[in-house]
């Protein structure tokens, strides 16, 4: 079992690693990250089996990690604060440890992990029965309906170069540089798009992989894109998304 520890206090991180390795013989701590930026960088390259995560880090709140990239591993939170418990279980949290953490705490957390893993192990016959439904549930939009004068017109997702949030409205930009308002939130649009083909570079813009012509350095460790489409605002990749974005581009 591979484990990543996210903790900005080196002494606490070392103690936690010792507790993990003493409690779980098959545990292998693959790294220790002390900041949000370092965590995003690490997880964009390799997703371990389990995360032990502090909440208050040097450069912000660890919940920001979940906003920067998809986290598929379960999380055991380790923190000195109890006010984050509800938020923790809204993410991938399976257990919430309050510091100082001891061996009994870590053992209880692993027991919870094992219980969940056992409960989620599907019966092969049941899995086969529900595979068609699961497959259908993961399908993404093939088109969006946009209003053109008094008509609704479908715009194929394959023709979309980027989506930009401008003046409180989301707009689709197509290969022909046509621009259509789409009355959905950026979160709704992002959820409807295949993440292998579209990337949300900041809160206001989503870009399509094939629309990227060039990537250049920008201020404050950000990057700016040249796109085939011409949105009103510069397509700037936010600083915390640069590392996962570049990894996504390379997976083309």
Foldseek 3Di string as FASTA:
>chain_A
DEEEEEAQPVVLVVVVVVLLCVQDVPYDHPYYHQDLLRVLLVVLVPADQEYEYEAQGPVHGNVVNVVQDPHDHAYEYEYQDDPCVVVQVVHRYQYYHHPPDDNVRSNVSVVSVVVVVVVPPDDVVVCVVCVVVVVVVQAADQWAWFDDPNDTDTDGPVQFFKWFQDPNWIWTQGLVRDITTDHDAPVVNVSRDDVLFWDAQDRTMIGGLVQFDDWAADPPQKIWTDGSHDDPDTRIRDNSNPSSVVSSSVVD
